[in-house]
């Protein structure tokens, strides 16, 4: 699978010669745009229809007339559930492009559902406060680590200067810590 860009700069994935999809993965329950520039396009067919189904038994068979563009014949297809997306093409004269009798078939990926594991206790205002406290605590820890990393080498080398201000006078004295 080699990615290419069309004239508009959109990335397209060529899964087989002369067939392009607007995505790098075919995922069930999504919509995909397919572009066909095979023999029927090259032979200047006026109308091309994609005949497709899902799984080894070609479940939910449908036909969609594709739109002719300068980039080839194009159609948007809703990918239903199944292990594979199977299809072939025919023109207005019932001339078929079916991959030399093998049809075109591509594996469909399952939708990735991420689960969030919750404890048995319900989320409450108390839980939100705990999260806020832990967030503030982590900010304090990060600030302390930053100060240690920044000032510890200066303290060790003796190059740290501290300004002291007394309440009784407005004079400032500078001390060097050794």
C-alpha atoms as a PDB file:
ATOM      1  CA  UNK A   1       0.000   0.000   0.000  1.00  0.00           C
ATOM      2  CA  UNK A   2       1.621   3.220  -1.148  1.00  0.00           C
ATOM      3  CA  UNK A   3       0.176   6.610  -0.191  1.00  0.00           C
ATOM      4  CA  UNK A   4      -0.220   9.181  -2.949  1.00  0.00           C
ATOM      5  CA  UNK A   5      -1.733  12.664  -3.164  1.00  0.00           C
ATOM      6  CA  UNK A   6      -4.443  13.715  -5.560  1.00  0.00           C
ATOM      7  CA  UNK A   7      -4.654  17.124  -7.310  1.00  0.00           C
ATOM      8  CA  UNK A   8      -6.230  18.709  -4.215  1.00  0.00           C
ATOM      9  CA  UNK A   9      -3.464  17.388  -1.942  1.00  0.00           C
ATOM     10  CA  UNK A  10      -5.662  14.789  -0.205  1.00  0.00           C
ATOM     11  CA  UNK A  11      -3.817  11.621   0.745  1.00  0.00           C
ATOM     12  CA  UNK A  12      -5.134   8.550  -1.024  1.00  0.00           C
ATOM     13  CA  UNK A  13      -4.216   4.952  -0.477  1.00  0.00           C
ATOM     14  CA  UNK A  14      -3.769   2.743  -3.521  1.00  0.00           C
ATOM     15  CA  UNK A  15      -4.720  -0.737  -2.372  1.00  0.00           C
ATOM     16  CA  UNK A  16      -4.556  -2.235  -5.839  1.00  0.00           C
ATOM     17  CA  UNK A  17      -3.674  -0.877  -9.229  1.00  0.00           C
ATOM     18  CA  UNK A  18      -6.256   1.634 -10.484  1.00  0.00           C
ATOM     19  CA  UNK A  19      -8.370   1.641  -7.292  1.00  0.00           C
ATOM     20  CA  UNK A  20      -7.895   4.329  -4.644  1.00  0.00           C
ATOM     21  CA  UNK A  21      -9.502   4.998  -1.272  1.00  0.00           C
ATOM     22  CA  UNK A  22      -9.446   8.271   0.660  1.00  0.00           C
ATOM     23  CA  UNK A  23      -8.164   6.478   3.753  1.00  0.00           C
ATOM     24  CA  UNK A  24      -5.331   4.173   4.697  1.00  0.00           C
ATOM     25  CA  UNK A  25      -7.617   1.652   6.452  1.00  0.00           C
ATOM     26  CA  UNK A  26     -10.983   0.216   5.571  1.00  0.00           C
ATOM     27  CA  UNK A  27     -12.934   0.148   8.846  1.00  0.00           C
ATOM     28  CA  UNK A  28     -16.414  -1.304   9.163  1.00  0.00           C
ATOM     29  CA  UNK A  29     -19.275   1.099   9.948  1.00  0.00           C
ATOM     30  CA  UNK A  30     -17.485   4.035   8.312  1.00  0.00           C
ATOM     31  CA  UNK A  31     -17.851   5.827   4.990  1.00  0.00           C
ATOM     32  CA  UNK A  32     -15.119   5.580   2.371  1.00  0.00           C
ATOM     33  CA  UNK A  33     -14.632   7.315  -0.975  1.00  0.00           C
ATOM     34  CA  UNK A  34     -13.431   5.011  -3.730  1.00  0.00           C
ATOM     35  CA  UNK A  35     -11.870   6.155  -7.004  1.00  0.00           C
ATOM     36  CA  UNK A  36     -11.627   3.828  -9.987  1.00  0.00           C
ATOM     37  CA  UNK A  37      -9.323   4.507 -12.964  1.00  0.00           C
ATOM     38  CA  UNK A  38      -9.225   0.986 -14.391  1.00  0.00           C
ATOM     39  CA  UNK A  39     -10.001  -0.326 -17.865  1.00  0.00           C
ATOM     40  CA  UNK A  40     -13.575   0.967 -17.937  1.00  0.00           C
ATOM     41  CA  UNK A  41     -12.361   4.509 -17.231  1.00  0.00           C
ATOM     42  CA  UNK A  42      -9.463   4.147 -19.670  1.00  0.00           C
ATOM     43  CA  UNK A  43     -11.871   2.934 -22.398  1.00  0.00           C
ATOM     44  CA  UNK A  44     -13.975   6.101 -21.949  1.00  0.00           C
ATOM     45  CA  UNK A  45     -17.088   4.450 -20.516  1.00  0.00           C
ATOM     46  CA  UNK A  46     -19.857   6.966 -19.947  1.00  0.00           C
ATOM     47  CA  UNK A  47     -21.197   5.314 -16.815  1.00  0.00           C
ATOM     48  CA  UNK A  48     -19.644   2.878 -14.334  1.00  0.00           C
ATOM     49  CA  UNK A  49     -21.430   1.093 -11.509  1.00  0.00           C
ATOM     50  CA  UNK A  50     -19.751  -0.495  -8.514  1.00  0.00           C
ATOM     51  CA  UNK A  51     -21.321  -3.793  -7.437  1.00  0.00           C
ATOM     52  CA  UNK A  52     -20.347  -4.658  -3.860  1.00  0.00           C
ATOM     53  CA  UNK A  53     -21.057  -6.770  -0.793  1.00  0.00           C
ATOM     54  CA  UNK A  54     -19.522  -7.781   2.518  1.00  0.00           C
ATOM     55  CA  UNK A  55     -18.042 -10.998   3.840  1.00  0.00           C
ATOM     56  CA  UNK A  56     -17.384 -14.285   2.032  1.00  0.00           C
ATOM     57  CA  UNK A  57     -21.070 -14.583   1.021  1.00  0.00           C
ATOM     58  CA  UNK A  58     -21.344 -11.049  -0.371  1.00  0.00           C
ATOM     59  CA  UNK A  59     -23.948 -10.024   2.238  1.00  0.00           C
ATOM     60  CA  UNK A  60     -25.895  -6.756   1.731  1.00  0.00           C
ATOM     61  CA  UNK A  61     -25.188  -6.594  -2.020  1.00  0.00           C
ATOM     62  CA  UNK A  62     -25.639  -3.116  -3.501  1.00  0.00           C
ATOM     63  CA  UNK A  63     -24.996  -1.245  -6.732  1.00  0.00           C
ATOM     64  CA  UNK A  64     -24.045   2.431  -6.912  1.00  0.00           C
ATOM     65  CA  UNK A  65     -23.577   4.451 -10.091  1.00  0.00           C
ATOM     66  CA  UNK A  66     -20.255   6.243  -9.772  1.00  0.00           C
ATOM     67  CA  UNK A  67     -19.661   9.889 -10.630  1.00  0.00           C
ATOM     68  CA  UNK A  68     -17.275  10.521 -13.538  1.00  0.00           C
ATOM     69  CA  UNK A  69     -14.549  13.062 -12.727  1.00  0.00           C
ATOM     70  CA  UNK A  70     -11.134  13.885 -14.129  1.00  0.00           C
ATOM     71  CA  UNK A  71      -9.716  11.721 -11.320  1.00  0.00           C
ATOM     72  CA  UNK A  72     -11.743   8.703 -12.413  1.00  0.00           C
ATOM     73  CA  UNK A  73     -15.107   7.311 -11.407  1.00  0.00           C
ATOM     74  CA  UNK A  74     -15.856   8.027  -7.744  1.00  0.00           C
ATOM     75  CA  UNK A  75     -18.422   6.979  -5.154  1.00  0.00           C
ATOM     76  CA  UNK A  76     -18.900   7.110  -1.404  1.00  0.00           C
ATOM     77  CA  UNK A  77     -19.757   3.800   0.209  1.00  0.00           C
ATOM     78  CA  UNK A  78     -20.881   2.982   3.734  1.00  0.00           C
ATOM     79  CA  UNK A  79     -18.813   0.015   4.840  1.00  0.00           C
ATOM     80  CA  UNK A  80     -21.063  -2.354   6.756  1.00  0.00           C
ATOM     81  CA  UNK A  81     -20.004  -5.115   9.128  1.00  0.00           C
ATOM     82  CA  UNK A  82     -18.129  -8.025   7.656  1.00  0.00           C
ATOM     83  CA  UNK A  83     -14.704  -9.559   7.328  1.00  0.00           C
ATOM     84  CA  UNK A  84     -14.137  -8.287   3.787  1.00  0.00           C
ATOM     85  CA  UNK A  85     -15.321  -5.622   1.368  1.00  0.00           C
ATOM     86  CA  UNK A  86     -15.863  -7.274  -2.040  1.00  0.00           C
ATOM     87  CA  UNK A  87     -16.607  -5.414  -5.252  1.00  0.00           C
ATOM     88  CA  UNK A  88     -16.352  -5.260  -9.021  1.00  0.00           C
ATOM     89  CA  UNK A  89     -17.316  -2.733 -11.691  1.00  0.00           C
ATOM     90  CA  UNK A  90     -19.418  -2.696 -14.864  1.00  0.00           C
ATOM     91  CA  UNK A  91     -20.266  -0.054 -17.437  1.00  0.00           C
ATOM     92  CA  UNK A  92     -23.434   0.862 -19.300  1.00  0.00           C
ATOM     93  CA  UNK A  93     -22.810  -1.959 -21.825  1.00  0.00           C
ATOM     94  CA  UNK A  94     -22.527  -4.589 -19.042  1.00  0.00           C
ATOM     95  CA  UNK A  95     -18.785  -4.972 -19.629  1.00  0.00           C
ATOM     96  CA  UNK A  96     -17.289  -6.031 -16.289  1.00  0.00           C
ATOM     97  CA  UNK A  97     -13.985  -5.358 -14.575  1.00  0.00           C
ATOM     98  CA  UNK A  98     -13.918  -8.076 -11.950  1.00  0.00           C
ATOM     99  CA  UNK A  99     -10.174  -8.552 -11.453  1.00  0.00           C
ATOM    100  CA  UNK A 100      -9.990 -11.389 -13.988  1.00  0.00           C
ATOM    101  CA  UNK A 101     -12.881 -13.254 -12.363  1.00  0.00           C
ATOM    102  CA  UNK A 102     -11.504 -12.989  -8.824  1.00  0.00           C
ATOM    103  CA  UNK A 103     -13.337  -9.774  -7.837  1.00  0.00           C
ATOM    104  CA  UNK A 104     -11.668  -7.160  -5.683  1.00  0.00           C
ATOM    105  CA  UNK A 105     -11.642  -8.043  -1.992  1.00  0.00           C
ATOM    106  CA  UNK A 106     -10.169  -6.119   0.938  1.00  0.00           C
ATOM    107  CA  UNK A 107     -10.080  -6.951   4.616  1.00  0.00           C
ATOM    108  CA  UNK A 108     -12.191  -4.730   6.852  1.00  0.00           C
ATOM    109  CA  UNK A 109     -10.864  -3.696  10.231  1.00  0.00           C
ATOM    110  CA  UNK A 110     -13.131  -3.715  13.260  1.00  0.00           C
ATOM    111  CA  UNK A 111     -14.012  -0.463  15.020  1.00  0.00           C
ATOM    112  CA  UNK A 112     -11.725   0.050  18.012  1.00  0.00           C
ATOM    113  CA  UNK A 113     -13.821   0.645  21.108  1.00  0.00           C
ATOM    114  CA  UNK A 114     -11.800   1.778  24.087  1.00  0.00           C
ATOM    115  CA  UNK A 115     -13.312   0.942  27.433  1.00  0.00           C
ATOM    116  CA  UNK A 116     -12.825   3.009  30.549  1.00  0.00           C
ATOM    117  CA  UNK A 117     -12.721   0.911  33.697  1.00  0.00           C
ATOM    118  CA  UNK A 118     -14.452   2.602  36.605  1.00  0.00           C
ATOM    119  CA  UNK A 119     -14.263   1.595  40.237  1.00  0.00           C
ATOM    120  CA  UNK A 120     -17.457   0.451  41.907  1.00  0.00           C
ATOM    121  CA  UNK A 121     -17.878   3.774  43.662  1.00  0.00           C
ATOM    122  CA  UNK A 122     -19.928   6.356  41.757  1.00  0.00           C
ATOM    123  CA  UNK A 123     -18.337   9.572  40.569  1.00  0.00           C
ATOM    124  CA  UNK A 124     -19.303  12.346  42.949  1.00  0.00           C
ATOM    125  CA  UNK A 125     -18.317  15.840  43.896  1.00  0.00           C
ATOM    126  CA  UNK A 126     -15.934  14.348  46.461  1.00  0.00           C
ATOM    127  CA  UNK A 127     -14.109  12.477  43.712  1.00  0.00           C
ATOM    128  CA  UNK A 128     -13.786  15.690  41.714  1.00  0.00           C
ATOM    129  CA  UNK A 129     -12.276  17.417  44.744  1.00  0.00           C
ATOM    130  CA  UNK A 130      -9.795  14.583  45.186  1.00  0.00           C
ATOM    131  CA  UNK A 131      -8.778  14.894  41.555  1.00  0.00           C
ATOM    132  CA  UNK A 132      -8.369  18.656  41.927  1.00  0.00           C
ATOM    133  CA  UNK A 133      -6.233  18.188  45.047  1.00  0.00           C
ATOM    134  CA  UNK A 134      -4.040  15.606  43.339  1.00  0.00           C
ATOM    135  CA  UNK A 135      -3.651  17.925  40.322  1.00  0.00           C
ATOM    136  CA  UNK A 136      -2.607  20.833  42.559  1.00  0.00           C
ATOM    137  CA  UNK A 137      -0.256  18.537  44.467  1.00  0.00           C
ATOM    138  CA  UNK A 138       1.381  17.396  41.209  1.00  0.00           C
ATOM    139  CA  UNK A 139       1.893  21.052  40.187  1.00  0.00           C
ATOM    140  CA  UNK A 140       3.600  21.730  43.520  1.00  0.00           C
ATOM    141  CA  UNK A 141       5.842  18.701  43.131  1.00  0.00           C
ATOM    142  CA  UNK A 142       6.827  19.764  39.608  1.00  0.00           C
ATOM    143  CA  UNK A 143       7.653  23.276  40.853  1.00  0.00           C
ATOM    144  CA  UNK A 144       9.765  21.868  43.688  1.00  0.00           C
ATOM    145  CA  UNK A 145      11.662  19.583  41.316  1.00  0.00           C
ATOM    146  CA  UNK A 146      12.253  22.511  38.948  1.00  0.00           C
ATOM    147  CA  UNK A 147      13.633  24.643  41.782  1.00  0.00           C
ATOM    148  CA  UNK A 148      15.898  21.832  42.996  1.00  0.00           C
ATOM    149  CA  UNK A 149      17.265  21.238  39.509  1.00  0.00           C
ATOM    150  CA  UNK A 150      17.764  24.960  38.907  1.00  0.00           C
ATOM    151  CA  UNK A 151      19.146  26.145  42.254  1.00  0.00           C
ATOM    152  CA  UNK A 152      20.943  23.126  43.759  1.00  0.00           C
ATOM    153  CA  UNK A 153      23.967  23.378  41.431  1.00  0.00           C
ATOM    154  CA  UNK A 154      24.248  27.105  42.250  1.00  0.00           C
ATOM    155  CA  UNK A 155      24.085  26.417  45.992  1.00  0.00           C
ATOM    156  CA  UNK A 156      26.732  23.721  45.763  1.00  0.00           C
ATOM    157  CA  UNK A 157      29.087  25.888  43.701  1.00  0.00           C
ATOM    158  CA  UNK A 158      28.593  28.919  45.966  1.00  0.00           C
ATOM    159  CA  UNK A 159      27.348  31.171  43.152  1.00  0.00           C
ATOM    160  CA  UNK A 160      23.909  31.717  44.663  1.00  0.00           C
ATOM    161  CA  UNK A 161      23.091  35.239  45.839  1.00  0.00           C
ATOM    162  CA  UNK A 162      20.134  36.028  48.042  1.00  0.00           C
ATOM    163  CA  UNK A 163      18.555  39.437  48.674  1.00  0.00           C
ATOM    164  CA  UNK A 164      17.474  40.184  52.218  1.00  0.00           C
ATOM    165  CA  UNK A 165      15.077  42.993  53.123  1.00  0.00           C
ATOM    166  CA  UNK A 166      14.598  44.196  56.677  1.00  0.00           C
ATOM    167  CA  UNK A 167      11.272  45.565  57.847  1.00  0.00           C
ATOM    168  CA  UNK A 168      12.759  48.475  59.797  1.00  0.00           C
ATOM    169  CA  UNK A 169      14.717  49.964  56.954  1.00  0.00           C
ATOM    170  CA  UNK A 170      14.443  50.069  53.198  1.00  0.00           C
ATOM    171  CA  UNK A 171      18.029  49.078  52.635  1.00  0.00           C
ATOM    172  CA  UNK A 172      18.759  45.821  50.919  1.00  0.00           C
ATOM    173  CA  UNK A 173      21.811  43.803  51.670  1.00  0.00           C
ATOM    174  CA  UNK A 174      23.296  41.147  49.486  1.00  0.00           C
ATOM    175  CA  UNK A 175      24.888  38.085  51.026  1.00  0.00           C
ATOM    176  CA  UNK A 176      26.846  35.349  49.408  1.00  0.00           C
ATOM    177  CA  UNK A 177      26.184  31.870  50.777  1.00  0.00           C
ATOM    178  CA  UNK A 178      29.257  29.700  51.109  1.00  0.00           C
END
